């Protein structure tokens, strides 16, 4: 089913088509999110104000490079499995039914790691605020949302 074809027709989230390109990160960073499968549910239904991803993590996979947003709020809900939330201040094992939010501008960078032997399923929700930028404090990369597309540069501003 094509995006927007039947916007009000319910589907199983796991039946939505996966992203054609699983990451926008340039190498060598793209390889670090292998084992992650995103299904953009918001895009499937033609949503434009916020995004929703059904994200599956294989054992050992991570959701993203550890990061924080300047303007985007993020909300994560654990559907299944036991991901580890890694922030600047702690690592915390989460269980199904747990959720966490990250306020725009909070410098406590975060990501989720599947340290278990079983797959993890998350629902990721974020807004699409124009002018958002992403800081990756542990890597030489930064991102800016320009005209709906992420642009990646080194921290010194040189493009990838």
C-alpha atoms as a PDB file:
ATOM      1  CA  UNK A   1       0.000   0.000   0.000  1.00  0.00           C
ATOM      2  CA  UNK A   2       1.443   3.392  -0.954  1.00  0.00           C
ATOM      3  CA  UNK A   3       1.763   6.172   1.590  1.00  0.00           C
ATOM      4  CA  UNK A   4      -1.421   8.264   1.792  1.00  0.00           C
ATOM      5  CA  UNK A   5      -3.353   5.661  -0.246  1.00  0.00           C
ATOM      6  CA  UNK A   6      -5.713   4.807   2.615  1.00  0.00           C
ATOM      7  CA  UNK A   7      -4.801   7.156   5.447  1.00  0.00           C
ATOM      8  CA  UNK A   8      -7.599   6.062   7.740  1.00  0.00           C
ATOM      9  CA  UNK A   9      -7.211   2.302   7.170  1.00  0.00           C
ATOM     10  CA  UNK A  10      -5.635   0.671  10.264  1.00  0.00           C
ATOM     11  CA  UNK A  11      -2.596  -1.554   9.797  1.00  0.00           C
ATOM     12  CA  UNK A  12      -0.312  -3.606  12.003  1.00  0.00           C
ATOM     13  CA  UNK A  13       2.728  -1.404  12.635  1.00  0.00           C
ATOM     14  CA  UNK A  14       5.040  -4.294  11.744  1.00  0.00           C
ATOM     15  CA  UNK A  15       3.368  -4.496   8.305  1.00  0.00           C
ATOM     16  CA  UNK A  16       4.237  -0.916   7.332  1.00  0.00           C
ATOM     17  CA  UNK A  17       6.992  -0.737   4.725  1.00  0.00           C
ATOM     18  CA  UNK A  18      10.487  -0.126   6.108  1.00  0.00           C
ATOM     19  CA  UNK A  19      12.424   2.992   5.177  1.00  0.00           C
ATOM     20  CA  UNK A  20      14.070   2.489   1.779  1.00  0.00           C
ATOM     21  CA  UNK A  21      17.282   3.973   3.175  1.00  0.00           C
ATOM     22  CA  UNK A  22      17.641   2.941   6.808  1.00  0.00           C
ATOM     23  CA  UNK A  23      19.962   5.778   7.837  1.00  0.00           C
ATOM     24  CA  UNK A  24      20.933   9.236   6.648  1.00  0.00           C
ATOM     25  CA  UNK A  25      24.226   9.093   8.533  1.00  0.00           C
ATOM     26  CA  UNK A  26      27.327   9.246   6.351  1.00  0.00           C
ATOM     27  CA  UNK A  27      30.012   6.616   6.802  1.00  0.00           C
ATOM     28  CA  UNK A  28      31.618   5.658   9.081  1.00  0.00           C
ATOM     29  CA  UNK A  29      28.564   6.401  11.238  1.00  0.00           C
ATOM     30  CA  UNK A  30      26.000   4.558   9.081  1.00  0.00           C
ATOM     31  CA  UNK A  31      27.599   1.213   9.898  1.00  0.00           C
ATOM     32  CA  UNK A  32      27.121   1.840  13.625  1.00  0.00           C
ATOM     33  CA  UNK A  33      23.326   1.610  13.300  1.00  0.00           C
ATOM     34  CA  UNK A  34      23.277  -1.664  11.384  1.00  0.00           C
ATOM     35  CA  UNK A  35      20.805  -4.056  12.939  1.00  0.00           C
ATOM     36  CA  UNK A  36      18.211  -1.295  13.253  1.00  0.00           C
ATOM     37  CA  UNK A  37      15.043  -1.441  11.122  1.00  0.00           C
ATOM     38  CA  UNK A  38      12.781   1.627  11.008  1.00  0.00           C
ATOM     39  CA  UNK A  39       9.231   1.649   9.673  1.00  0.00           C
ATOM     40  CA  UNK A  40       8.073   5.288   9.319  1.00  0.00           C
ATOM     41  CA  UNK A  41       4.453   5.031  10.439  1.00  0.00           C
ATOM     42  CA  UNK A  42       3.864   8.783  10.377  1.00  0.00           C
ATOM     43  CA  UNK A  43       5.009   9.034   6.771  1.00  0.00           C
ATOM     44  CA  UNK A  44       2.864   6.029   5.830  1.00  0.00           C
ATOM     45  CA  UNK A  45      -0.216   7.896   6.997  1.00  0.00           C
ATOM     46  CA  UNK A  46       0.877  11.209   5.457  1.00  0.00           C
ATOM     47  CA  UNK A  47       1.533  12.938   8.787  1.00  0.00           C
ATOM     48  CA  UNK A  48       3.612  16.095   8.445  1.00  0.00           C
ATOM     49  CA  UNK A  49       3.692  17.752  11.891  1.00  0.00           C
ATOM     50  CA  UNK A  50       5.366  14.879  13.703  1.00  0.00           C
ATOM     51  CA  UNK A  51       7.016  11.582  12.904  1.00  0.00           C
ATOM     52  CA  UNK A  52       6.381   8.131  14.345  1.00  0.00           C
ATOM     53  CA  UNK A  53       8.729   5.214  13.790  1.00  0.00           C
ATOM     54  CA  UNK A  54       8.259   1.534  14.594  1.00  0.00           C
ATOM     55  CA  UNK A  55      11.889   0.651  15.278  1.00  0.00           C
ATOM     56  CA  UNK A  56      13.254  -2.868  15.652  1.00  0.00           C
ATOM     57  CA  UNK A  57      16.693  -3.443  17.162  1.00  0.00           C
ATOM     58  CA  UNK A  58      18.461  -6.740  16.664  1.00  0.00           C
ATOM     59  CA  UNK A  59      20.698  -7.917  19.520  1.00  0.00           C
ATOM     60  CA  UNK A  60      23.657  -5.530  19.750  1.00  0.00           C
ATOM     61  CA  UNK A  61      21.998  -2.775  17.675  1.00  0.00           C
ATOM     62  CA  UNK A  62      21.591   0.889  18.634  1.00  0.00           C
ATOM     63  CA  UNK A  63      18.858   3.368  17.738  1.00  0.00           C
ATOM     64  CA  UNK A  64      21.218   6.205  16.808  1.00  0.00           C
ATOM     65  CA  UNK A  65      24.478   7.838  17.713  1.00  0.00           C
ATOM     66  CA  UNK A  66      24.162   9.359  21.169  1.00  0.00           C
ATOM     67  CA  UNK A  67      22.595  12.765  20.540  1.00  0.00           C
ATOM     68  CA  UNK A  68      20.305  15.604  21.608  1.00  0.00           C
ATOM     69  CA  UNK A  69      18.095  17.987  19.617  1.00  0.00           C
ATOM     70  CA  UNK A  70      17.940  21.775  19.755  1.00  0.00           C
ATOM     71  CA  UNK A  71      14.247  22.111  18.841  1.00  0.00           C
ATOM     72  CA  UNK A  72      12.736  18.632  18.597  1.00  0.00           C
ATOM     73  CA  UNK A  73      10.996  16.920  21.480  1.00  0.00           C
ATOM     74  CA  UNK A  74      11.296  13.127  21.429  1.00  0.00           C
ATOM     75  CA  UNK A  75       9.161  10.421  23.041  1.00  0.00           C
ATOM     76  CA  UNK A  76      10.014   6.706  23.097  1.00  0.00           C
ATOM     77  CA  UNK A  77       7.704   3.844  24.112  1.00  0.00           C
ATOM     78  CA  UNK A  78       9.014   0.293  24.629  1.00  0.00           C
ATOM     79  CA  UNK A  79       6.705  -2.147  22.860  1.00  0.00           C
ATOM     80  CA  UNK A  80       8.744  -5.305  23.476  1.00  0.00           C
ATOM     81  CA  UNK A  81      12.161  -6.391  24.639  1.00  0.00           C
ATOM     82  CA  UNK A  82      14.523  -4.821  27.148  1.00  0.00           C
ATOM     83  CA  UNK A  83      16.532  -1.955  25.669  1.00  0.00           C
ATOM     84  CA  UNK A  84      19.148  -0.077  27.657  1.00  0.00           C
ATOM     85  CA  UNK A  85      18.745   3.692  27.702  1.00  0.00           C
ATOM     86  CA  UNK A  86      22.196   5.308  27.654  1.00  0.00           C
ATOM     87  CA  UNK A  87      22.505   8.976  28.610  1.00  0.00           C
ATOM     88  CA  UNK A  88      25.332  11.220  29.773  1.00  0.00           C
ATOM     89  CA  UNK A  89      24.505  10.395  33.377  1.00  0.00           C
ATOM     90  CA  UNK A  90      23.318   6.781  33.462  1.00  0.00           C
ATOM     91  CA  UNK A  91      22.448   3.500  31.808  1.00  0.00           C
ATOM     92  CA  UNK A  92      18.996   2.159  32.611  1.00  0.00           C
ATOM     93  CA  UNK A  93      17.375  -1.107  31.563  1.00  0.00           C
ATOM     94  CA  UNK A  94      13.820  -0.538  30.313  1.00  0.00           C
ATOM     95  CA  UNK A  95      10.961  -3.016  30.011  1.00  0.00           C
ATOM     96  CA  UNK A  96       7.861  -3.276  27.796  1.00  0.00           C
ATOM     97  CA  UNK A  97       5.319  -0.585  28.622  1.00  0.00           C
ATOM     98  CA  UNK A  98       7.937   1.894  29.844  1.00  0.00           C
ATOM     99  CA  UNK A  99       8.415   5.227  28.106  1.00  0.00           C
ATOM    100  CA  UNK A 100      10.707   8.234  28.244  1.00  0.00           C
ATOM    101  CA  UNK A 101      10.733  11.721  26.791  1.00  0.00           C
ATOM    102  CA  UNK A 102      13.519  14.109  25.834  1.00  0.00           C
ATOM    103  CA  UNK A 103      12.788  17.837  25.816  1.00  0.00           C
ATOM    104  CA  UNK A 104      14.244  19.962  23.041  1.00  0.00           C
ATOM    105  CA  UNK A 105      17.377  21.785  24.136  1.00  0.00           C
ATOM    106  CA  UNK A 106      18.250  19.382  26.977  1.00  0.00           C
ATOM    107  CA  UNK A 107      21.978  18.606  26.518  1.00  0.00           C
ATOM    108  CA  UNK A 108      21.715  15.141  28.129  1.00  0.00           C
ATOM    109  CA  UNK A 109      22.464  13.105  24.997  1.00  0.00           C
ATOM    110  CA  UNK A 110      20.821   9.710  24.660  1.00  0.00           C
ATOM    111  CA  UNK A 111      20.300   6.577  22.613  1.00  0.00           C
ATOM    112  CA  UNK A 112      19.057   3.040  23.139  1.00  0.00           C
ATOM    113  CA  UNK A 113      21.177  -0.108  22.924  1.00  0.00           C
ATOM    114  CA  UNK A 114      19.887  -3.654  22.683  1.00  0.00           C
ATOM    115  CA  UNK A 115      22.247  -5.512  25.013  1.00  0.00           C
ATOM    116  CA  UNK A 116      19.915  -8.516  25.185  1.00  0.00           C
ATOM    117  CA  UNK A 117      19.760 -11.699  23.107  1.00  0.00           C
ATOM    118  CA  UNK A 118      16.230 -10.854  21.860  1.00  0.00           C
ATOM    119  CA  UNK A 119      14.892  -8.185  19.519  1.00  0.00           C
ATOM    120  CA  UNK A 120      13.587  -4.895  20.871  1.00  0.00           C
ATOM    121  CA  UNK A 121      10.643  -2.953  19.404  1.00  0.00           C
ATOM    122  CA  UNK A 122      10.231   0.773  20.104  1.00  0.00           C
ATOM    123  CA  UNK A 123       7.786   3.458  19.028  1.00  0.00           C
ATOM    124  CA  UNK A 124       9.680   6.704  18.471  1.00  0.00           C
ATOM    125  CA  UNK A 125       7.760   9.970  18.225  1.00  0.00           C
ATOM    126  CA  UNK A 126       9.309  13.331  17.391  1.00  0.00           C
ATOM    127  CA  UNK A 127       8.137  16.634  16.040  1.00  0.00           C
ATOM    128  CA  UNK A 128       9.464  18.137  12.815  1.00  0.00           C
ATOM    129  CA  UNK A 129      10.355  21.634  13.957  1.00  0.00           C
ATOM    130  CA  UNK A 130      12.112  23.602  11.233  1.00  0.00           C
ATOM    131  CA  UNK A 131      15.656  24.669  12.051  1.00  0.00           C
ATOM    132  CA  UNK A 132      16.294  21.761  14.395  1.00  0.00           C
ATOM    133  CA  UNK A 133      19.903  20.759  14.859  1.00  0.00           C
ATOM    134  CA  UNK A 134      21.391  17.656  16.418  1.00  0.00           C
ATOM    135  CA  UNK A 135      24.498  17.536  18.557  1.00  0.00           C
ATOM    136  CA  UNK A 136      26.493  14.309  18.813  1.00  0.00           C
ATOM    137  CA  UNK A 137      28.873  15.037  21.717  1.00  0.00           C
ATOM    138  CA  UNK A 138      30.913  11.839  21.324  1.00  0.00           C
ATOM    139  CA  UNK A 139      31.402  11.907  17.535  1.00  0.00           C
ATOM    140  CA  UNK A 140      32.737  14.320  14.899  1.00  0.00           C
ATOM    141  CA  UNK A 141      29.365  14.911  13.294  1.00  0.00           C
ATOM    142  CA  UNK A 142      26.509  17.384  13.578  1.00  0.00           C
ATOM    143  CA  UNK A 143      23.205  17.653  11.751  1.00  0.00           C
ATOM    144  CA  UNK A 144      20.855  20.470  10.758  1.00  0.00           C
ATOM    145  CA  UNK A 145      17.332  20.120   9.385  1.00  0.00           C
ATOM    146  CA  UNK A 146      17.131  22.229   6.209  1.00  0.00           C
ATOM    147  CA  UNK A 147      14.036  22.152   3.993  1.00  0.00           C
ATOM    148  CA  UNK A 148      12.950  18.878   5.562  1.00  0.00           C
ATOM    149  CA  UNK A 149      16.306  17.140   4.932  1.00  0.00           C
ATOM    150  CA  UNK A 150      19.087  16.391   7.402  1.00  0.00           C
ATOM    151  CA  UNK A 151      22.459  17.900   6.412  1.00  0.00           C
ATOM    152  CA  UNK A 152      25.515  16.394   8.083  1.00  0.00           C
ATOM    153  CA  UNK A 153      28.828  18.136   8.655  1.00  0.00           C
ATOM    154  CA  UNK A 154      31.929  17.656  10.729  1.00  0.00           C
ATOM    155  CA  UNK A 155      31.975  19.760  13.898  1.00  0.00           C
ATOM    156  CA  UNK A 156      34.240  22.248  12.109  1.00  0.00           C
ATOM    157  CA  UNK A 157      31.498  22.767   9.485  1.00  0.00           C
ATOM    158  CA  UNK A 158      33.091  20.775   6.655  1.00  0.00           C
ATOM    159  CA  UNK A 159      30.480  18.651   4.820  1.00  0.00           C
ATOM    160  CA  UNK A 160      30.556  14.870   4.722  1.00  0.00           C
END
